[in-house]
Amino acid sequence: MSAAREKYDLKPLVIHANYLINVAGENSDFRKKSIEAFRGEVERALALCAEYLVLHPGSFRGLTRDQGLANAASAIEESVRGLDLVKGGLKIVIENTAGAEFSLGSKFDQVAELCDRLRPHVPVAACIDTCHTWVSGYDIVKDYDGVLKDLDKTVGLNNVVVWHCNDAKAPFGSKLDRHQHIGEGSIGLETFRRLLNDDRLAHAAFLAETPVDEPLDDLKNVNALKALVGKKKSQK
C-alpha cells in the first residue's frame, strides 16, 4: 500500500468507518459491538498507514444531546485504548451529519464539542460534508461567508482536514441525506468553486462522495471538481 501511494502520489489517505457503527447510542449490546467494530476500523487504518479515519457520530435516540455526546466521546476513547495513533500518524475525523431525528453532529457546535472532548485523549479533526451542511440548514449557497464564519467560530477552519464534496438531491433544510452529482443538484457549481479556491481551506483534502449511476460516474465528478480549481466564476 505504501509503495502504491508513493508511486501515484496519493495523499492523504482518507478512509470511512462502517456506517452501522453508532458510538452515541445507549443500547449496551449495540454499543459494545460498535466499540469493537470501530476498533477494527482503527486497526485497519493504522495497517494501511492512513492519515484520516472519518466517523459519523451516530444517533442518540432515547437520550439527551449531551448524553449522546458523552457516549460518543467515551466509546471512541475506549475503541482506541492501547493503540498508538500518534505514532501511526492517524487522526479520527468527525463528520457533520444531515440532521435526521436524533442524529448527532448536524450542527457545527456538536462536531466542535465532540472534538474538544476527544482532543486530550485522541488525535482528532473534522470532516465537513457539503450535502449534509446544506440539508441540515446551513445556507452555504446564499450565505457562503456566513457559514464559513460560523464553522470557523465553532470547529475552526484549521481543524477541518477533509471536505466531502457532494451536491444534494434534496432541497435546503430538508434533513434528507441524498447525494447528487456535482453541479446537478440543489447546491450547484458555484459553492464548490468557492470552496476549492478558498485559501483558508488550502490545507484540506477535497473528496467526491457522489452517486455512481453509470460506469465512470466517479471520474466524471472528480473531473467536474478539478475543472473548478482556479476559476474565478462558475460555469452556468
C-alpha atoms as a PDB file:
ATOM      1  CA  MET A   1       0.000   0.000   0.000  1.00  0.00           C
ATOM      2  CA  SER A   2       2.748   2.480   0.922  1.00  0.00           C
ATOM      3  CA  ALA A   3       4.613   1.740  -2.319  1.00  0.00           C
ATOM      4  CA  ALA A   4       1.475   2.252  -4.422  1.00  0.00           C
ATOM      5  CA  ARG A   5       0.704   5.527  -2.676  1.00  0.00           C
ATOM      6  CA  GLU A   6       4.236   6.782  -3.245  1.00  0.00           C
ATOM      7  CA  LYS A   7       4.195   5.697  -6.902  1.00  0.00           C
ATOM      8  CA  TYR A   8       0.939   7.509  -7.670  1.00  0.00           C
ATOM      9  CA  ASP A   9       1.412  10.377  -5.175  1.00  0.00           C
ATOM     10  CA  LEU A  10      -1.795   9.502  -3.329  1.00  0.00           C
ATOM     11  CA  LYS A  11      -2.104  11.621  -0.201  1.00  0.00           C
ATOM     12  CA  PRO A  12      -3.633  11.966   2.212  1.00  0.00           C
ATOM     13  CA  LEU A  13      -5.274   8.562   2.539  1.00  0.00           C
ATOM     14  CA  VAL A  14      -8.793   9.056   3.923  1.00  0.00           C
ATOM     15  CA  ILE A  15     -10.971   6.082   4.780  1.00  0.00           C
ATOM     16  CA  HIS A  16     -14.505   5.924   6.161  1.00  0.00           C
ATOM     17  CA  ALA A  17     -15.726   3.863   9.084  1.00  0.00           C
ATOM     18  CA  ASN A  18     -18.675   1.497   8.674  1.00  0.00           C
ATOM     19  CA  TYR A  19     -21.960   3.409   8.616  1.00  0.00           C
ATOM     20  CA  LEU A  20     -23.604   0.941  11.020  1.00  0.00           C
ATOM     21  CA  ILE A  21     -21.320   1.972  13.886  1.00  0.00           C
ATOM     22  CA  ASN A  22     -23.192   4.045  16.482  1.00  0.00           C
ATOM     23  CA  VAL A  23     -20.921   5.343  19.220  1.00  0.00           C
ATOM     24  CA  ALA A  24     -23.596   7.696  20.609  1.00  0.00           C
ATOM     25  CA  GLY A  25     -26.294   5.126  21.400  1.00  0.00           C
ATOM     26  CA  GLU A  26     -27.451   3.801  24.754  1.00  0.00           C
ATOM     27  CA  ASN A  27     -28.186   0.137  23.916  1.00  0.00           C
ATOM     28  CA  SER A  28     -25.425  -1.696  25.783  1.00  0.00           C
ATOM     29  CA  ASP A  29     -25.181  -4.642  23.382  1.00  0.00           C
ATOM     30  CA  PHE A  30     -25.090  -2.461  20.273  1.00  0.00           C
ATOM     31  CA  ARG A  31     -22.697  -0.057  21.965  1.00  0.00           C
ATOM     32  CA  LYS A  32     -20.298  -2.911  22.716  1.00  0.00           C
ATOM     33  CA  LYS A  33     -20.470  -4.079  19.108  1.00  0.00           C
ATOM     34  CA  SER A  34     -19.921  -0.509  17.858  1.00  0.00           C
ATOM     35  CA  ILE A  35     -16.831  -0.095  20.035  1.00  0.00           C
ATOM     36  CA  GLU A  36     -15.428  -3.417  18.791  1.00  0.00           C
ATOM     37  CA  ALA A  37     -16.249  -2.557  15.175  1.00  0.00           C
ATOM     38  CA  PHE A  38     -14.687   0.887  15.383  1.00  0.00           C
ATOM     39  CA  ARG A  39     -11.552  -0.505  16.978  1.00  0.00           C
ATOM     40  CA  GLY A  40     -11.298  -2.836  13.998  1.00  0.00           C
ATOM     41  CA  GLU A  41     -11.622   0.167  11.673  1.00  0.00           C
ATOM     42  CA  VAL A  42      -8.841   1.977  13.540  1.00  0.00           C
ATOM     43  CA  GLU A  43      -6.585  -1.077  13.390  1.00  0.00           C
ATOM     44  CA  ARG A  44      -7.129  -1.347   9.626  1.00  0.00           C
ATOM     45  CA  ALA A  45      -6.498   2.366   9.171  1.00  0.00           C
ATOM     46  CA  LEU A  46      -3.195   2.040  11.025  1.00  0.00           C
ATOM     47  CA  ALA A  47      -2.247  -1.008   8.962  1.00  0.00           C
ATOM     48  CA  LEU A  48      -2.949   0.950   5.768  1.00  0.00           C
ATOM     49  CA  CYS A  49      -0.932   3.940   7.042  1.00  0.00           C
ATOM     50  CA  ALA A  50      -3.990   6.173   6.561  1.00  0.00           C
ATOM     51  CA  GLU A  51      -3.874   9.763   7.742  1.00  0.00           C
ATOM     52  CA  TYR A  52      -7.598  10.131   8.437  1.00  0.00           C
ATOM     53  CA  LEU A  53     -10.435   7.840   9.534  1.00  0.00           C
ATOM     54  CA  VAL A  54     -13.842   9.503   9.100  1.00  0.00           C
ATOM     55  CA  LEU A  55     -16.654   8.632  11.523  1.00  0.00           C
ATOM     56  CA  HIS A  56     -20.312   9.628  11.793  1.00  0.00           C
ATOM     57  CA  PRO A  57     -21.087  10.352  15.477  1.00  0.00           C
ATOM     58  CA  GLY A  58     -24.296   8.285  15.372  1.00  0.00           C
ATOM     59  CA  SER A  59     -27.782   8.526  16.889  1.00  0.00           C
ATOM     60  CA  PHE A  60     -28.674   9.493  20.457  1.00  0.00           C
ATOM     61  CA  ARG A  61     -32.270   8.168  20.288  1.00  0.00           C
ATOM     62  CA  GLY A  62     -33.629   7.774  23.832  1.00  0.00           C
ATOM     63  CA  LEU A  63     -31.032  10.158  25.262  1.00  0.00           C
ATOM     64  CA  THR A  64     -30.404  13.865  25.506  1.00  0.00           C
ATOM     65  CA  ARG A  65     -27.982  15.519  23.100  1.00  0.00           C
ATOM     66  CA  ASP A  66     -25.419  15.923  25.906  1.00  0.00           C
ATOM     67  CA  GLN A  67     -25.720  12.257  26.869  1.00  0.00           C
ATOM     68  CA  GLY A  68     -25.160  11.320  23.229  1.00  0.00           C
ATOM     69  CA  LEU A  69     -22.046  13.463  23.065  1.00  0.00           C
ATOM     70  CA  ALA A  70     -20.699  11.945  26.264  1.00  0.00           C
ATOM     71  CA  ASN A  71     -21.417   8.432  24.985  1.00  0.00           C
ATOM     72  CA  ALA A  72     -19.717   9.110  21.657  1.00  0.00           C
ATOM     73  CA  ALA A  73     -16.597  10.534  23.294  1.00  0.00           C
ATOM     74  CA  SER A  74     -16.231   7.687  25.794  1.00  0.00           C
ATOM     75  CA  ALA A  75     -16.892   4.999  23.158  1.00  0.00           C
ATOM     76  CA  ILE A  76     -14.265   6.416  20.803  1.00  0.00           C
ATOM     77  CA  GLU A  77     -11.748   6.677  23.643  1.00  0.00           C
ATOM     78  CA  GLU A  78     -12.432   3.060  24.617  1.00  0.00           C
ATOM     79  CA  SER A  79     -12.130   1.927  20.996  1.00  0.00           C
ATOM     80  CA  VAL A  80      -8.590   3.285  20.590  1.00  0.00           C
ATOM     81  CA  ARG A  81      -7.269   2.368  24.028  1.00  0.00           C
ATOM     82  CA  GLY A  82      -3.799   0.863  23.747  1.00  0.00           C
ATOM     83  CA  LEU A  83      -3.382   1.883  20.084  1.00  0.00           C
ATOM     84  CA  ASP A  84      -0.713   4.452  19.247  1.00  0.00           C
ATOM     85  CA  LEU A  85      -2.475   6.749  16.782  1.00  0.00           C
ATOM     86  CA  VAL A  86       0.160   9.453  17.111  1.00  0.00           C
ATOM     87  CA  LYS A  87       2.962   7.116  16.089  1.00  0.00           C
ATOM     88  CA  GLY A  88       0.774   5.770  13.301  1.00  0.00           C
ATOM     89  CA  GLY A  89       0.052   9.283  12.023  1.00  0.00           C
ATOM     90  CA  LEU A  90      -3.710   8.706  12.197  1.00  0.00           C
ATOM     91  CA  LYS A  91      -6.449  11.147  13.168  1.00  0.00           C
ATOM     92  CA  ILE A  92     -10.064  10.318  13.947  1.00  0.00           C
ATOM     93  CA  VAL A  93     -12.155  12.702  11.857  1.00  0.00           C
ATOM     94  CA  ILE A  94     -15.693  13.554  12.987  1.00  0.00           C
ATOM     95  CA  GLU A  95     -18.102  14.201  10.121  1.00  0.00           C
ATOM     96  CA  ASN A  96     -21.111  16.506  10.312  1.00  0.00           C
ATOM     97  CA  THR A  97     -24.454  14.846   9.593  1.00  0.00           C
ATOM     98  CA  ALA A  98     -27.601  15.685   7.647  1.00  0.00           C
ATOM     99  CA  GLY A  99     -29.829  16.380  10.643  1.00  0.00           C
ATOM    100  CA  ALA A 100     -32.164  13.377  10.777  1.00  0.00           C
ATOM    101  CA  GLU A 101     -34.016  12.982  14.077  1.00  0.00           C
ATOM    102  CA  PHE A 102     -31.628  12.132  16.957  1.00  0.00           C
ATOM    103  CA  SER A 103     -28.634  12.332  14.608  1.00  0.00           C
ATOM    104  CA  LEU A 104     -25.597  13.690  16.439  1.00  0.00           C
ATOM    105  CA  GLY A 105     -23.372  16.193  14.668  1.00  0.00           C
ATOM    106  CA  SER A 106     -25.766  18.035  12.383  1.00  0.00           C
ATOM    107  CA  LYS A 107     -24.709  21.330  13.965  1.00  0.00           C
ATOM    108  CA  PHE A 108     -21.167  22.621  13.865  1.00  0.00           C
ATOM    109  CA  ASP A 109     -21.114  23.193  17.615  1.00  0.00           C
ATOM    110  CA  GLN A 110     -21.816  19.493  18.207  1.00  0.00           C
ATOM    111  CA  VAL A 111     -18.889  18.494  15.972  1.00  0.00           C
ATOM    112  CA  ALA A 112     -16.740  21.034  17.815  1.00  0.00           C
ATOM    113  CA  GLU A 113     -17.786  19.809  21.257  1.00  0.00           C
ATOM    114  CA  LEU A 114     -17.100  16.177  20.398  1.00  0.00           C
ATOM    115  CA  CYS A 115     -13.675  17.114  19.039  1.00  0.00           C
ATOM    116  CA  ASP A 116     -12.960  19.131  22.184  1.00  0.00           C
ATOM    117  CA  ARG A 117     -13.906  16.191  24.405  1.00  0.00           C
ATOM    118  CA  LEU A 118     -11.694  13.835  22.432  1.00  0.00           C
ATOM    119  CA  ARG A 119      -8.683  16.087  21.882  1.00  0.00           C
ATOM    120  CA  PRO A 120      -6.959  15.385  25.252  1.00  0.00           C
ATOM    121  CA  HIS A 121      -7.090  11.642  24.529  1.00  0.00           C
ATOM    122  CA  VAL A 122      -7.237  11.063  20.763  1.00  0.00           C
ATOM    123  CA  PRO A 123      -5.773  12.831  17.699  1.00  0.00           C
ATOM    124  CA  VAL A 124      -8.922  14.326  16.215  1.00  0.00           C
ATOM    125  CA  ALA A 125     -10.134  16.640  13.450  1.00  0.00           C
ATOM    126  CA  ALA A 126     -13.313  17.325  11.466  1.00  0.00           C
ATOM    127  CA  CYS A 127     -14.821  16.475   8.088  1.00  0.00           C
ATOM    128  CA  ILE A 128     -17.493  18.717   6.576  1.00  0.00           C
ATOM    129  CA  ASP A 129     -19.889  17.261   4.027  1.00  0.00           C
ATOM    130  CA  THR A 130     -21.442  19.851   1.701  1.00  0.00           C
ATOM    131  CA  CYS A 131     -24.688  17.933   1.199  1.00  0.00           C
ATOM    132  CA  HIS A 132     -25.076  17.387   4.956  1.00  0.00           C
ATOM    133  CA  THR A 133     -24.314  21.043   5.613  1.00  0.00           C
ATOM    134  CA  TRP A 134     -26.920  22.232   3.104  1.00  0.00           C
ATOM    135  CA  VAL A 135     -29.783  19.913   4.073  1.00  0.00           C
ATOM    136  CA  SER A 136     -29.179  20.413   7.808  1.00  0.00           C
ATOM    137  CA  GLY A 137     -29.940  24.116   7.435  1.00  0.00           C
ATOM    138  CA  TYR A 138     -26.680  25.934   6.706  1.00  0.00           C
ATOM    139  CA  ASP A 139     -27.217  28.027   3.567  1.00  0.00           C
ATOM    140  CA  ILE A 140     -23.791  27.550   2.042  1.00  0.00           C
ATOM    141  CA  VAL A 141     -25.179  28.722  -1.325  1.00  0.00           C
ATOM    142  CA  LYS A 142     -26.569  32.172  -0.464  1.00  0.00           C
ATOM    143  CA  ASP A 143     -24.543  32.740   2.709  1.00  0.00           C
ATOM    144  CA  TYR A 144     -21.210  31.054   1.979  1.00  0.00           C
ATOM    145  CA  ASP A 145     -19.185  33.564   4.006  1.00  0.00           C
ATOM    146  CA  GLY A 146     -21.593  33.386   6.935  1.00  0.00           C
ATOM    147  CA  VAL A 147     -21.484  29.585   7.040  1.00  0.00           C
ATOM    148  CA  LEU A 148     -17.681  29.544   6.855  1.00  0.00           C
ATOM    149  CA  LYS A 149     -17.554  32.164   9.614  1.00  0.00           C
ATOM    150  CA  ASP A 150     -19.806  30.001  11.806  1.00  0.00           C
ATOM    151  CA  LEU A 151     -17.683  26.941  11.042  1.00  0.00           C
ATOM    152  CA  ASP A 152     -14.512  28.811  11.938  1.00  0.00           C
ATOM    153  CA  LYS A 153     -16.033  30.124  15.175  1.00  0.00           C
ATOM    154  CA  THR A 154     -17.075  26.635  16.316  1.00  0.00           C
ATOM    155  CA  VAL A 155     -14.911  23.898  14.811  1.00  0.00           C
ATOM    156  CA  GLY A 156     -12.132  26.129  13.453  1.00  0.00           C
ATOM    157  CA  LEU A 157     -11.336  26.050   9.737  1.00  0.00           C
ATOM    158  CA  ASN A 158      -7.821  24.822  10.536  1.00  0.00           C
ATOM    159  CA  ASN A 159      -9.394  21.756  12.180  1.00  0.00           C
ATOM    160  CA  VAL A 160     -11.400  20.818   9.070  1.00  0.00           C
ATOM    161  CA  VAL A 161      -8.983  18.494   7.285  1.00  0.00           C
ATOM    162  CA  VAL A 162     -11.444  16.805   4.914  1.00  0.00           C
ATOM    163  CA  TRP A 163     -14.339  18.111   2.811  1.00  0.00           C
ATOM    164  CA  HIS A 164     -16.818  15.697   1.255  1.00  0.00           C
ATOM    165  CA  CYS A 165     -17.889  17.466  -1.924  1.00  0.00           C
ATOM    166  CA  ASN A 166     -21.399  16.272  -2.701  1.00  0.00           C
ATOM    167  CA  ASP A 167     -24.244  18.036  -4.435  1.00  0.00           C
ATOM    168  CA  ALA A 168     -27.699  17.377  -2.997  1.00  0.00           C
ATOM    169  CA  LYS A 169     -30.815  15.794  -4.476  1.00  0.00           C
ATOM    170  CA  ALA A 170     -32.943  17.182  -1.629  1.00  0.00           C
ATOM    171  CA  PRO A 171     -33.751  20.856  -1.000  1.00  0.00           C
ATOM    172  CA  PHE A 172     -32.196  23.170   1.566  1.00  0.00           C
ATOM    173  CA  GLY A 173     -33.071  22.323   5.173  1.00  0.00           C
ATOM    174  CA  SER A 174     -34.808  19.053   4.268  1.00  0.00           C
ATOM    175  CA  LYS A 175     -32.548  16.907   6.506  1.00  0.00           C
ATOM    176  CA  LEU A 176     -32.533  14.262   3.747  1.00  0.00           C
ATOM    177  CA  ASP A 177     -29.112  12.729   3.081  1.00  0.00           C
ATOM    178  CA  ARG A 178     -29.330  12.251  -0.694  1.00  0.00           C
ATOM    179  CA  HIS A 179     -26.081  12.912  -2.556  1.00  0.00           C
ATOM    180  CA  GLN A 180     -26.099  14.129  -6.168  1.00  0.00           C
ATOM    181  CA  HIS A 181     -23.563  14.559  -8.959  1.00  0.00           C
ATOM    182  CA  ILE A 182     -21.537  17.779  -8.818  1.00  0.00           C
ATOM    183  CA  GLY A 183     -23.448  20.661 -10.388  1.00  0.00           C
ATOM    184  CA  GLU A 184     -26.638  18.636 -10.887  1.00  0.00           C
ATOM    185  CA  GLY A 185     -28.302  19.199  -7.527  1.00  0.00           C
ATOM    186  CA  SER A 186     -29.752  21.932  -5.345  1.00  0.00           C
ATOM    187  CA  ILE A 187     -26.317  23.263  -4.344  1.00  0.00           C
ATOM    188  CA  GLY A 188     -24.920  23.864  -7.840  1.00  0.00           C
ATOM    189  CA  LEU A 189     -21.399  24.557  -9.082  1.00  0.00           C
ATOM    190  CA  GLU A 190     -20.688  27.975  -7.590  1.00  0.00           C
ATOM    191  CA  THR A 191     -20.372  26.812  -3.982  1.00  0.00           C
ATOM    192  CA  PHE A 192     -17.880  24.136  -4.992  1.00  0.00           C
ATOM    193  CA  ARG A 193     -15.891  26.692  -6.990  1.00  0.00           C
ATOM    194  CA  ARG A 194     -15.677  28.916  -3.924  1.00  0.00           C
ATOM    195  CA  LEU A 195     -14.666  26.052  -1.641  1.00  0.00           C
ATOM    196  CA  LEU A 196     -11.965  24.748  -3.955  1.00  0.00           C
ATOM    197  CA  ASN A 197     -10.438  28.193  -4.407  1.00  0.00           C
ATOM    198  CA  ASP A 198     -10.705  29.393  -0.809  1.00  0.00           C
ATOM    199  CA  ASP A 199      -7.181  29.956   0.534  1.00  0.00           C
ATOM    200  CA  ARG A 200      -8.405  29.334   4.087  1.00  0.00           C
ATOM    201  CA  LEU A 201      -9.139  25.727   3.103  1.00  0.00           C
ATOM    202  CA  ALA A 202      -5.972  25.006   1.124  1.00  0.00           C
ATOM    203  CA  HIS A 203      -4.714  22.587   3.792  1.00  0.00           C
ATOM    204  CA  ALA A 204      -7.737  20.296   3.448  1.00  0.00           C
ATOM    205  CA  ALA A 205      -8.436  17.269   1.253  1.00  0.00           C
ATOM    206  CA  PHE A 206     -11.478  17.527  -1.046  1.00  0.00           C
ATOM    207  CA  LEU A 207     -13.164  14.225  -1.874  1.00  0.00           C
ATOM    208  CA  ALA A 208     -16.155  13.376  -4.054  1.00  0.00           C
ATOM    209  CA  GLU A 209     -18.653  11.065  -2.331  1.00  0.00           C
ATOM    210  CA  THR A 210     -21.202  11.141  -5.148  1.00  0.00           C
ATOM    211  CA  PRO A 211     -23.515   8.518  -6.690  1.00  0.00           C
ATOM    212  CA  VAL A 212     -22.337   6.011  -9.267  1.00  0.00           C
ATOM    213  CA  ASP A 213     -25.370   5.615 -11.522  1.00  0.00           C
ATOM    214  CA  GLU A 214     -23.318   4.814 -14.607  1.00  0.00           C
ATOM    215  CA  PRO A 215     -19.786   3.452 -15.109  1.00  0.00           C
ATOM    216  CA  LEU A 216     -17.108   6.122 -14.580  1.00  0.00           C
ATOM    217  CA  ASP A 217     -19.508   8.497 -12.780  1.00  0.00           C
ATOM    218  CA  ASP A 218     -16.913   8.794 -10.030  1.00  0.00           C
ATOM    219  CA  LEU A 219     -14.340  10.016 -12.561  1.00  0.00           C
ATOM    220  CA  LYS A 220     -16.907  12.426 -14.014  1.00  0.00           C
ATOM    221  CA  ASN A 221     -17.478  14.007 -10.622  1.00  0.00           C
ATOM    222  CA  VAL A 222     -13.768  14.254  -9.791  1.00  0.00           C
ATOM    223  CA  ASN A 223     -13.147  15.927 -13.142  1.00  0.00           C
ATOM    224  CA  ALA A 224     -16.055  18.318 -12.542  1.00  0.00           C
ATOM    225  CA  LEU A 225     -14.406  19.421  -9.304  1.00  0.00           C
ATOM    226  CA  LYS A 226     -10.949  19.688 -10.881  1.00  0.00           C
ATOM    227  CA  ALA A 227     -12.381  21.913 -13.626  1.00  0.00           C
ATOM    228  CA  LEU A 228     -13.438  24.466 -10.991  1.00  0.00           C
ATOM    229  CA  VAL A 229      -9.966  24.894  -9.489  1.00  0.00           C
ATOM    230  CA  GLY A 230      -8.517  28.267 -10.446  1.00  0.00           C
ATOM    231  CA  LYS A 231     -11.758  29.524 -11.998  1.00  0.00           C
ATOM    232  CA  LYS A 232     -12.949  32.966 -10.945  1.00  0.00           C
ATOM    233  CA  LYS A 233     -16.517  32.280 -11.953  1.00  0.00           C
ATOM    234  CA  SER A 234     -18.502  29.095 -12.139  1.00  0.00           C
ATOM    235  CA  GLN A 235     -19.838  27.781 -15.388  1.00  0.00           C
ATOM    236  CA  LYS A 236     -23.583  28.157 -15.740  1.00  0.00           C
END
